[in-house]
Amino acid sequence: LYLASLPQVLSQPATRDKNKNHDPMVMVPG
């Protein structure tokens, strides 16, 4: 049960804390 729950535990929320560093996205189409 612990291992099965890992993807949900480690996944990032759709809206992240903007005060924390993330990999930079330099440019996206459009």
Full PDB file with SEQRES, HELIX, SHEET, SSBOND, CRYST1, ORIGX, SCALE, CONECT and MASTER records, all heavy atoms in Angstrom:
SEQRES   1 A   30  LEU TYR LEU ALA SER LEU PRO GLN VAL LEU SER GLN PRO          
SEQRES   2 A   30  ALA THR ARG ASP LYS ASN LYS ASN HIS ASP PRO MET VAL          
SEQRES   3 A   30  MET VAL PRO GLY                                              
HELIX    1 AA1 TYR A    2  LEU A   10  1                                   9    
CRYST1    1.000    1.000    1.000  90.00  90.00  90.00 P 1           1          
ORIGX1      1.000000  0.000000  0.000000        0.00000                         
ORIGX2      0.000000  1.000000  0.000000        0.00000                         
ORIGX3      0.000000  0.000000  1.000000        0.00000                         
SCALE1      1.000000  0.000000  0.000000        0.00000                         
SCALE2      0.000000  1.000000  0.000000        0.00000                         
SCALE3      0.000000  0.000000  1.000000        0.00000                         
ATOM      1  N   LEU A   1       0.828  -1.206   0.000  1.00  0.00           N  
ATOM      2  CA  LEU A   1       0.000   0.000   0.000  1.00  0.00           C  
ATOM      3  C   LEU A   1       0.867   1.263   0.000  1.00  0.00           C  
ATOM      4  O   LEU A   1       0.555   2.251  -0.658  1.00  0.00           O  
ATOM      5  CB  LEU A   1      -0.936  -0.011   1.216  1.00  0.00           C  
ATOM      6  CG  LEU A   1      -2.046  -1.072   1.167  1.00  0.00           C  
ATOM      7  CD1 LEU A   1      -2.810  -1.097   2.478  1.00  0.00           C  
ATOM      8  CD2 LEU A   1      -2.981  -0.808   0.003  1.00  0.00           C  
ATOM      9  N   TYR A   2       1.972   1.216   0.732  1.00  0.00           N  
ATOM     10  CA  TYR A   2       2.891   2.355   0.748  1.00  0.00           C  
ATOM     11  C   TYR A   2       3.481   2.607  -0.635  1.00  0.00           C  
ATOM     12  O   TYR A   2       3.479   3.720  -1.146  1.00  0.00           O  
ATOM     13  CB  TYR A   2       4.008   2.121   1.769  1.00  0.00           C  
ATOM     14  CG  TYR A   2       5.107   3.156   1.691  1.00  0.00           C  
ATOM     15  CD1 TYR A   2       4.912   4.441   2.195  1.00  0.00           C  
ATOM     16  CD2 TYR A   2       6.330   2.873   1.080  1.00  0.00           C  
ATOM     17  CE1 TYR A   2       5.913   5.389   2.117  1.00  0.00           C  
ATOM     18  CE2 TYR A   2       7.319   3.823   1.002  1.00  0.00           C  
ATOM     19  CZ  TYR A   2       7.112   5.075   1.524  1.00  0.00           C  
ATOM     20  OH  TYR A   2       8.093   6.030   1.438  1.00  0.00           O  
ATOM     21  N   LEU A   3       3.966   1.539  -1.269  1.00  0.00           N  
ATOM     22  CA  LEU A   3       4.562   1.686  -2.606  1.00  0.00           C  
ATOM     23  C   LEU A   3       3.524   2.116  -3.628  1.00  0.00           C  
ATOM     24  O   LEU A   3       3.809   2.915  -4.529  1.00  0.00           O  
ATOM     25  CB  LEU A   3       5.232   0.377  -3.037  1.00  0.00           C  
ATOM     26  CG  LEU A   3       6.478  -0.022  -2.235  1.00  0.00           C  
ATOM     27  CD1 LEU A   3       6.967  -1.398  -2.675  1.00  0.00           C  
ATOM     28  CD2 LEU A   3       7.569   1.005  -2.396  1.00  0.00           C  
ATOM     29  N   ALA A   4       2.320   1.617  -3.514  1.00  0.00           N  
ATOM     30  CA  ALA A   4       1.266   2.001  -4.457  1.00  0.00           C  
ATOM     31  C   ALA A   4       0.899   3.471  -4.321  1.00  0.00           C  
ATOM     32  O   ALA A   4       0.463   4.101  -5.280  1.00  0.00           O  
ATOM     33  CB  ALA A   4       0.035   1.125  -4.240  1.00  0.00           C  
ATOM     34  N   SER A   5       1.084   4.024  -3.118  1.00  0.00           N  
ATOM     35  CA  SER A   5       0.724   5.426  -2.908  1.00  0.00           C  
ATOM     36  C   SER A   5       1.846   6.391  -3.280  1.00  0.00           C  
ATOM     37  O   SER A   5       1.645   7.594  -3.335  1.00  0.00           O  
ATOM     38  CB  SER A   5       0.332   5.655  -1.447  1.00  0.00           C  
ATOM     39  OG  SER A   5       1.479   5.550  -0.615  1.00  0.00           O  
ATOM     40  N   LEU A   6       3.055   5.882  -3.550  1.00  0.00           N  
ATOM     41  CA  LEU A   6       4.189   6.760  -3.835  1.00  0.00           C  
ATOM     42  C   LEU A   6       3.960   7.721  -4.993  1.00  0.00           C  
ATOM     43  O   LEU A   6       4.270   8.901  -4.879  1.00  0.00           O  
ATOM     44  CB  LEU A   6       5.452   5.938  -4.076  1.00  0.00           C  
ATOM     45  CG  LEU A   6       6.223   5.530  -2.822  1.00  0.00           C  
ATOM     46  CD1 LEU A   6       7.466   4.754  -3.213  1.00  0.00           C  
ATOM     47  CD2 LEU A   6       6.592   6.731  -1.983  1.00  0.00           C  
ATOM     48  N   PRO A   7       3.447   7.304  -6.158  1.00  0.00           N  
ATOM     49  CA  PRO A   7       3.252   8.269  -7.246  1.00  0.00           C  
ATOM     50  C   PRO A   7       2.391   9.454  -6.829  1.00  0.00           C  
ATOM     51  O   PRO A   7       2.624  10.572  -7.226  1.00  0.00           O  
ATOM     52  CB  PRO A   7       2.587   7.442  -8.342  1.00  0.00           C  
ATOM     53  CG  PRO A   7       3.014   6.038  -8.058  1.00  0.00           C  
ATOM     54  CD  PRO A   7       3.111   5.952  -6.565  1.00  0.00           C  
ATOM     55  N   GLN A   8       1.372   9.193  -5.985  1.00  0.00           N  
ATOM     56  CA  GLN A   8       0.523  10.295  -5.541  1.00  0.00           C  
ATOM     57  C   GLN A   8       1.240  11.145  -4.504  1.00  0.00           C  
ATOM     58  O   GLN A   8       1.097  12.353  -4.481  1.00  0.00           O  
ATOM     59  CB  GLN A   8      -0.767   9.727  -4.962  1.00  0.00           C  
ATOM     60  CG  GLN A   8      -1.579   9.009  -6.030  1.00  0.00           C  
ATOM     61  CD  GLN A   8      -2.649   8.117  -5.436  1.00  0.00           C  
ATOM     62  OE1 GLN A   8      -2.608   7.814  -4.252  1.00  0.00           O  
ATOM     63  NE2 GLN A   8      -3.583   7.706  -6.254  1.00  0.00           N  
ATOM     64  N   VAL A   9       2.050  10.516  -3.652  1.00  0.00           N  
ATOM     65  CA  VAL A   9       2.774  11.261  -2.630  1.00  0.00           C  
ATOM     66  C   VAL A   9       3.829  12.159  -3.263  1.00  0.00           C  
ATOM     67  O   VAL A   9       4.013  13.304  -2.882  1.00  0.00           O  
ATOM     68  CB  VAL A   9       3.427  10.288  -1.627  1.00  0.00           C  
ATOM     69  CG1 VAL A   9       4.360  11.024  -0.685  1.00  0.00           C  
ATOM     70  CG2 VAL A   9       2.352   9.565  -0.834  1.00  0.00           C  
ATOM     71  N   LEU A  10       4.531  11.628  -4.284  1.00  0.00           N  
ATOM     72  CA  LEU A  10       5.635  12.367  -4.889  1.00  0.00           C  
ATOM     73  C   LEU A  10       5.221  13.278  -6.032  1.00  0.00           C  
ATOM     74  O   LEU A  10       6.007  14.079  -6.494  1.00  0.00           O  
ATOM     75  CB  LEU A  10       6.693  11.375  -5.393  1.00  0.00           C  
ATOM     76  CG  LEU A  10       7.326  10.501  -4.309  1.00  0.00           C  
ATOM     77  CD1 LEU A  10       8.298   9.523  -4.935  1.00  0.00           C  
ATOM     78  CD2 LEU A  10       8.006  11.345  -3.262  1.00  0.00           C  
ATOM     79  N   SER A  11       4.000  13.146  -6.532  1.00  0.00           N  
ATOM     80  CA  SER A  11       3.598  13.978  -7.668  1.00  0.00           C  
ATOM     81  C   SER A  11       3.435  15.419  -7.217  1.00  0.00           C  
ATOM     82  O   SER A  11       3.120  15.702  -6.061  1.00  0.00           O  
ATOM     83  CB  SER A  11       2.293  13.472  -8.267  1.00  0.00           C  
ATOM     84  OG  SER A  11       1.254  13.577  -7.321  1.00  0.00           O  
ATOM     85  N   GLN A  12       3.640  16.349  -8.166  1.00  0.00           N  
ATOM     86  CA  GLN A  12       3.541  17.760  -7.842  1.00  0.00           C  
ATOM     87  C   GLN A  12       2.131  18.244  -8.110  1.00  0.00           C  
ATOM     88  O   GLN A  12       1.476  17.794  -9.036  1.00  0.00           O  
ATOM     89  CB  GLN A  12       4.532  18.561  -8.691  1.00  0.00           C  
ATOM     90  CG  GLN A  12       5.968  18.203  -8.406  1.00  0.00           C  
ATOM     91  CD  GLN A  12       6.915  19.005  -9.256  1.00  0.00           C  
ATOM     92  OE1 GLN A  12       6.507  19.874 -10.002  1.00  0.00           O  
ATOM     93  NE2 GLN A  12       8.191  18.728  -9.141  1.00  0.00           N  
ATOM     94  N   PRO A  13       1.653  19.169  -7.310  1.00  0.00           N  
ATOM     95  CA  PRO A  13       0.311  19.700  -7.536  1.00  0.00           C  
ATOM     96  C   PRO A  13       0.258  20.507  -8.824  1.00  0.00           C  
ATOM     97  O   PRO A  13       1.272  20.973  -9.321  1.00  0.00           O  
ATOM     98  CB  PRO A  13       0.074  20.593  -6.310  1.00  0.00           C  
ATOM     99  CG  PRO A  13       1.437  20.962  -5.835  1.00  0.00           C  
ATOM    100  CD  PRO A  13       2.311  19.789  -6.176  1.00  0.00           C  
ATOM    101  N   ALA A  14      -0.952  20.667  -9.351  1.00  0.00           N  
ATOM    102  CA  ALA A  14      -1.121  21.405 -10.602  1.00  0.00           C  
ATOM    103  C   ALA A  14      -0.668  22.850 -10.445  1.00  0.00           C  
ATOM    104  O   ALA A  14      -0.081  23.432 -11.335  1.00  0.00           O  
ATOM    105  CB  ALA A  14      -2.583  21.358 -11.032  1.00  0.00           C  
ATOM    106  N   THR A  15      -0.960  23.449  -9.303  1.00  0.00           N  
ATOM    107  CA  THR A  15      -0.513  24.810  -9.041  1.00  0.00           C  
ATOM    108  C   THR A  15       0.577  24.751  -7.989  1.00  0.00           C  
ATOM    109  O   THR A  15       0.333  24.345  -6.862  1.00  0.00           O  
ATOM    110  CB  THR A  15      -1.679  25.683  -8.541  1.00  0.00           C  
ATOM    111  OG1 THR A  15      -2.716  25.635  -9.510  1.00  0.00           O  
ATOM    112  CG2 THR A  15      -1.223  27.114  -8.338  1.00  0.00           C  
ATOM    113  N   ARG A  16       1.776  25.167  -8.379  1.00  0.00           N  
ATOM    114  CA  ARG A  16       2.915  25.070  -7.483  1.00  0.00           C  
ATOM    115  C   ARG A  16       3.171  26.388  -6.771  1.00  0.00           C  
ATOM    116  O   ARG A  16       2.748  27.434  -7.217  1.00  0.00           O  
ATOM    117  CB  ARG A  16       4.158  24.648  -8.266  1.00  0.00           C  
ATOM    118  CG  ARG A  16       4.064  23.220  -8.713  1.00  0.00           C  
ATOM    119  CD  ARG A  16       5.280  22.860  -9.478  1.00  0.00           C  
ATOM    120  NE  ARG A  16       4.933  22.907 -10.884  1.00  0.00           N  
ATOM    121  CZ  ARG A  16       5.801  22.748 -11.851  1.00  0.00           C  
ATOM    122  NH1 ARG A  16       7.053  22.563 -11.569  1.00  0.00           N  
ATOM    123  NH2 ARG A  16       5.423  22.783 -13.082  1.00  0.00           N  
ATOM    124  N   ASP A  17       3.908  26.306  -5.689  1.00  0.00           N  
ATOM    125  CA  ASP A  17       4.286  27.483  -4.933  1.00  0.00           C  
ATOM    126  C   ASP A  17       5.276  28.302  -5.756  1.00  0.00           C  
ATOM    127  O   ASP A  17       6.374  27.841  -6.040  1.00  0.00           O  
ATOM    128  CB  ASP A  17       4.908  27.043  -3.609  1.00  0.00           C  
ATOM    129  CG  ASP A  17       5.289  28.246  -2.745  1.00  0.00           C  
ATOM    130  OD1 ASP A  17       5.096  29.401  -3.174  1.00  0.00           O  
ATOM    131  OD2 ASP A  17       5.784  28.000  -1.645  1.00  0.00           O  
ATOM    132  N   LYS A  18       4.898  29.505  -6.135  1.00  0.00           N  
ATOM    133  CA  LYS A  18       5.742  30.328  -7.003  1.00  0.00           C  
ATOM    134  C   LYS A  18       6.951  30.915  -6.272  1.00  0.00           C  
ATOM    135  O   LYS A  18       7.800  31.539  -6.869  1.00  0.00           O  
ATOM    136  CB  LYS A  18       4.915  31.437  -7.636  1.00  0.00           C  
ATOM    137  CG  LYS A  18       3.913  30.871  -8.620  1.00  0.00           C  
ATOM    138  CD  LYS A  18       3.026  31.945  -9.181  1.00  0.00           C  
ATOM    139  CE  LYS A  18       2.057  31.417 -10.203  1.00  0.00           C  
ATOM    140  NZ  LYS A  18       1.354  30.220  -9.857  1.00  0.00           N  
ATOM    141  N   ASN A  19       7.014  30.721  -4.948  1.00  0.00           N  
ATOM    142  CA  ASN A  19       8.174  31.185  -4.193  1.00  0.00           C  
ATOM    143  C   ASN A  19       9.284  30.152  -4.156  1.00  0.00           C  
ATOM    144  O   ASN A  19      10.334  30.389  -3.584  1.00  0.00           O  
ATOM    145  CB  ASN A  19       7.767  31.542  -2.765  1.00  0.00           C  
ATOM    146  CG  ASN A  19       6.843  32.739  -2.736  1.00  0.00           C  
ATOM    147  OD1 ASN A  19       7.065  33.705  -3.453  1.00  0.00           O  
ATOM    148  ND2 ASN A  19       5.799  32.664  -1.940  1.00  0.00           N  
ATOM    149  N   LYS A  20       9.062  28.996  -4.769  1.00  0.00           N  
ATOM    150  CA  LYS A  20      10.068  27.941  -4.806  1.00  0.00           C  
ATOM    151  C   LYS A  20      10.641  27.832  -6.202  1.00  0.00           C  
ATOM    152  O   LYS A  20       9.965  28.129  -7.185  1.00  0.00           O  
ATOM    153  CB  LYS A  20       9.457  26.600  -4.390  1.00  0.00           C  
ATOM    154  CG  LYS A  20       8.998  26.598  -2.946  1.00  0.00           C  
ATOM    155  CD  LYS A  20       8.425  25.263  -2.571  1.00  0.00           C  
ATOM    156  CE  LYS A  20       7.961  25.254  -1.122  1.00  0.00           C  
ATOM    157  NZ  LYS A  20       7.299  24.002  -0.762  1.00  0.00           N  
ATOM    158  N   ASN A  21      11.873  27.374  -6.295  1.00  0.00           N  
ATOM    159  CA  ASN A  21      12.530  27.225  -7.593  1.00  0.00           C  
ATOM    160  C   ASN A  21      11.965  26.040  -8.348  1.00  0.00           C  
ATOM    161  O   ASN A  21      11.658  25.005  -7.775  1.00  0.00           O  
ATOM    162  CB  ASN A  21      14.033  27.022  -7.418  1.00  0.00           C  
ATOM    163  CG  ASN A  21      14.722  28.298  -6.996  1.00  0.00           C  
ATOM    164  OD1 ASN A  21      14.245  29.373  -7.325  1.00  0.00           O  
ATOM    165  ND2 ASN A  21      15.804  28.184  -6.274  1.00  0.00           N  
ATOM    166  N   HIS A  22      11.838  26.185  -9.653  1.00  0.00           N  
ATOM    167  CA  HIS A  22      11.441  25.107 -10.548  1.00  0.00           C  
ATOM    168  C   HIS A  22      12.366  25.157 -11.753  1.00  0.00           C  
ATOM    169  O   HIS A  22      13.004  26.167 -12.015  1.00  0.00           O  
ATOM    170  CB  HIS A  22       9.986  25.266 -11.008  1.00  0.00           C  
ATOM    171  CG  HIS A  22       9.007  25.320  -9.887  1.00  0.00           C  
ATOM    172  ND1 HIS A  22       8.724  24.243  -9.097  1.00  0.00           N  
ATOM    173  CD2 HIS A  22       8.264  26.349  -9.397  1.00  0.00           C  
ATOM    174  CE1 HIS A  22       7.815  24.587  -8.191  1.00  0.00           C  
ATOM    175  NE2 HIS A  22       7.536  25.859  -8.349  1.00  0.00           N  
ATOM    176  N   ASP A  23      12.427  24.075 -12.508  1.00  0.00           N  
ATOM    177  CA  ASP A  23      13.213  24.098 -13.737  1.00  0.00           C  
ATOM    178  C   ASP A  23      12.682  25.205 -14.628  1.00  0.00           C  
ATOM    179  O   ASP A  23      11.472  25.319 -14.821  1.00  0.00           O  
ATOM    180  CB  ASP A  23      13.119  22.757 -14.466  1.00  0.00           C  
ATOM    181  CG  ASP A  23      13.775  21.657 -13.663  1.00  0.00           C  
ATOM    182  OD1 ASP A  23      14.675  21.971 -12.872  1.00  0.00           O  
ATOM    183  OD2 ASP A  23      13.374  20.493 -13.821  1.00  0.00           O  
ATOM    184  N   PRO A  24      13.549  26.027 -15.212  1.00  0.00           N  
ATOM    185  CA  PRO A  24      13.066  27.177 -15.977  1.00  0.00           C  
ATOM    186  C   PRO A  24      12.455  26.770 -17.311  1.00  0.00           C  
ATOM    187  O   PRO A  24      12.923  25.862 -17.971  1.00  0.00           O  
ATOM    188  CB  PRO A  24      14.337  28.003 -16.197  1.00  0.00           C  
ATOM    189  CG  PRO A  24      15.435  27.012 -16.125  1.00  0.00           C  
ATOM    190  CD  PRO A  24      15.008  25.971 -15.140  1.00  0.00           C  
ATOM    191  N   MET A  25      11.378  27.433 -17.675  1.00  0.00           N  
ATOM    192  CA  MET A  25      10.803  27.293 -19.004  1.00  0.00           C  
ATOM    193  C   MET A  25      11.118  28.584 -19.738  1.00  0.00           C  
ATOM    194  O   MET A  25      10.568  29.631 -19.426  1.00  0.00           O  
ATOM    195  CB  MET A  25       9.288  27.080 -18.918  1.00  0.00           C  
ATOM    196  CG  MET A  25       8.614  26.959 -20.277  1.00  0.00           C  
ATOM    197  SD  MET A  25       6.824  26.861 -20.124  1.00  0.00           S  
ATOM    198  CE  MET A  25       6.642  25.297 -19.320  1.00  0.00           C  
ATOM    199  N   VAL A  26      12.046  28.521 -20.653  1.00  0.00           N  
ATOM    200  CA  VAL A  26      12.508  29.730 -21.311  1.00  0.00           C  
ATOM    201  C   VAL A  26      11.449  30.271 -22.262  1.00  0.00           C  
ATOM    202  O   VAL A  26      11.149  31.448 -22.294  1.00  0.00           O  
ATOM    203  CB  VAL A  26      13.828  29.464 -22.063  1.00  0.00           C  
ATOM    204  CG1 VAL A  26      14.267  30.694 -22.817  1.00  0.00           C  
ATOM    205  CG2 VAL A  26      14.896  29.044 -21.078  1.00  0.00           C  
ATOM    206  N   MET A  27      10.837  29.404 -23.054  1.00  0.00           N  
ATOM    207  CA  MET A  27       9.836  29.857 -24.006  1.00  0.00           C  
ATOM    208  C   MET A  27       8.909  28.713 -24.356  1.00  0.00           C  
ATOM    209  O   MET A  27       9.319  27.565 -24.420  1.00  0.00           O  
ATOM    210  CB  MET A  27      10.512  30.384 -25.287  1.00  0.00           C  
ATOM    211  CG  MET A  27       9.544  31.023 -26.268  1.00  0.00           C  
ATOM    212  SD  MET A  27      10.394  31.865 -27.608  1.00  0.00           S  
ATOM    213  CE  MET A  27      11.032  33.275 -26.743  1.00  0.00           C  
ATOM    214  N   VAL A  28       7.660  29.014 -24.569  1.00  0.00           N  
ATOM    215  CA  VAL A  28       6.697  28.011 -25.012  1.00  0.00           C  
ATOM    216  C   VAL A  28       6.061  28.518 -26.298  1.00  0.00           C  
ATOM    217  O   VAL A  28       6.010  29.719 -26.532  1.00  0.00           O  
ATOM    218  CB  VAL A  28       5.609  27.746 -23.948  1.00  0.00           C  
ATOM    219  CG1 VAL A  28       6.204  27.128 -22.703  1.00  0.00           C  
ATOM    220  CG2 VAL A  28       4.858  29.009 -23.595  1.00  0.00           C  
ATOM    221  N   PRO A  29       5.569  27.617 -27.187  1.00  0.00           N  
ATOM    222  CA  PRO A  29       4.932  28.069 -28.422  1.00  0.00           C  
ATOM    223  C   PRO A  29       3.772  29.014 -28.128  1.00  0.00           C  
ATOM    224  O   PRO A  29       2.972  28.777 -27.224  1.00  0.00           O  
ATOM    225  CB  PRO A  29       4.444  26.760 -29.062  1.00  0.00           C  
ATOM    226  CG  PRO A  29       5.337  25.710 -28.487  1.00  0.00           C  
ATOM    227  CD  PRO A  29       5.647  26.165 -27.088  1.00  0.00           C  
ATOM    228  N   GLY A  30       3.695  30.091 -28.876  1.00  0.00           N  
ATOM    229  CA  GLY A  30       2.612  31.054 -28.714  1.00  0.00           C  
ATOM    230  C   GLY A  30       2.897  32.131 -27.683  1.00  0.00           C  
ATOM    231  O   GLY A  30       2.096  33.035 -27.484  1.00  0.00           O  
TER     232      GLY A  30                                                      
MASTER        0    0    0    1    0    0    0    6  231    1    0    3          
END                                                                             
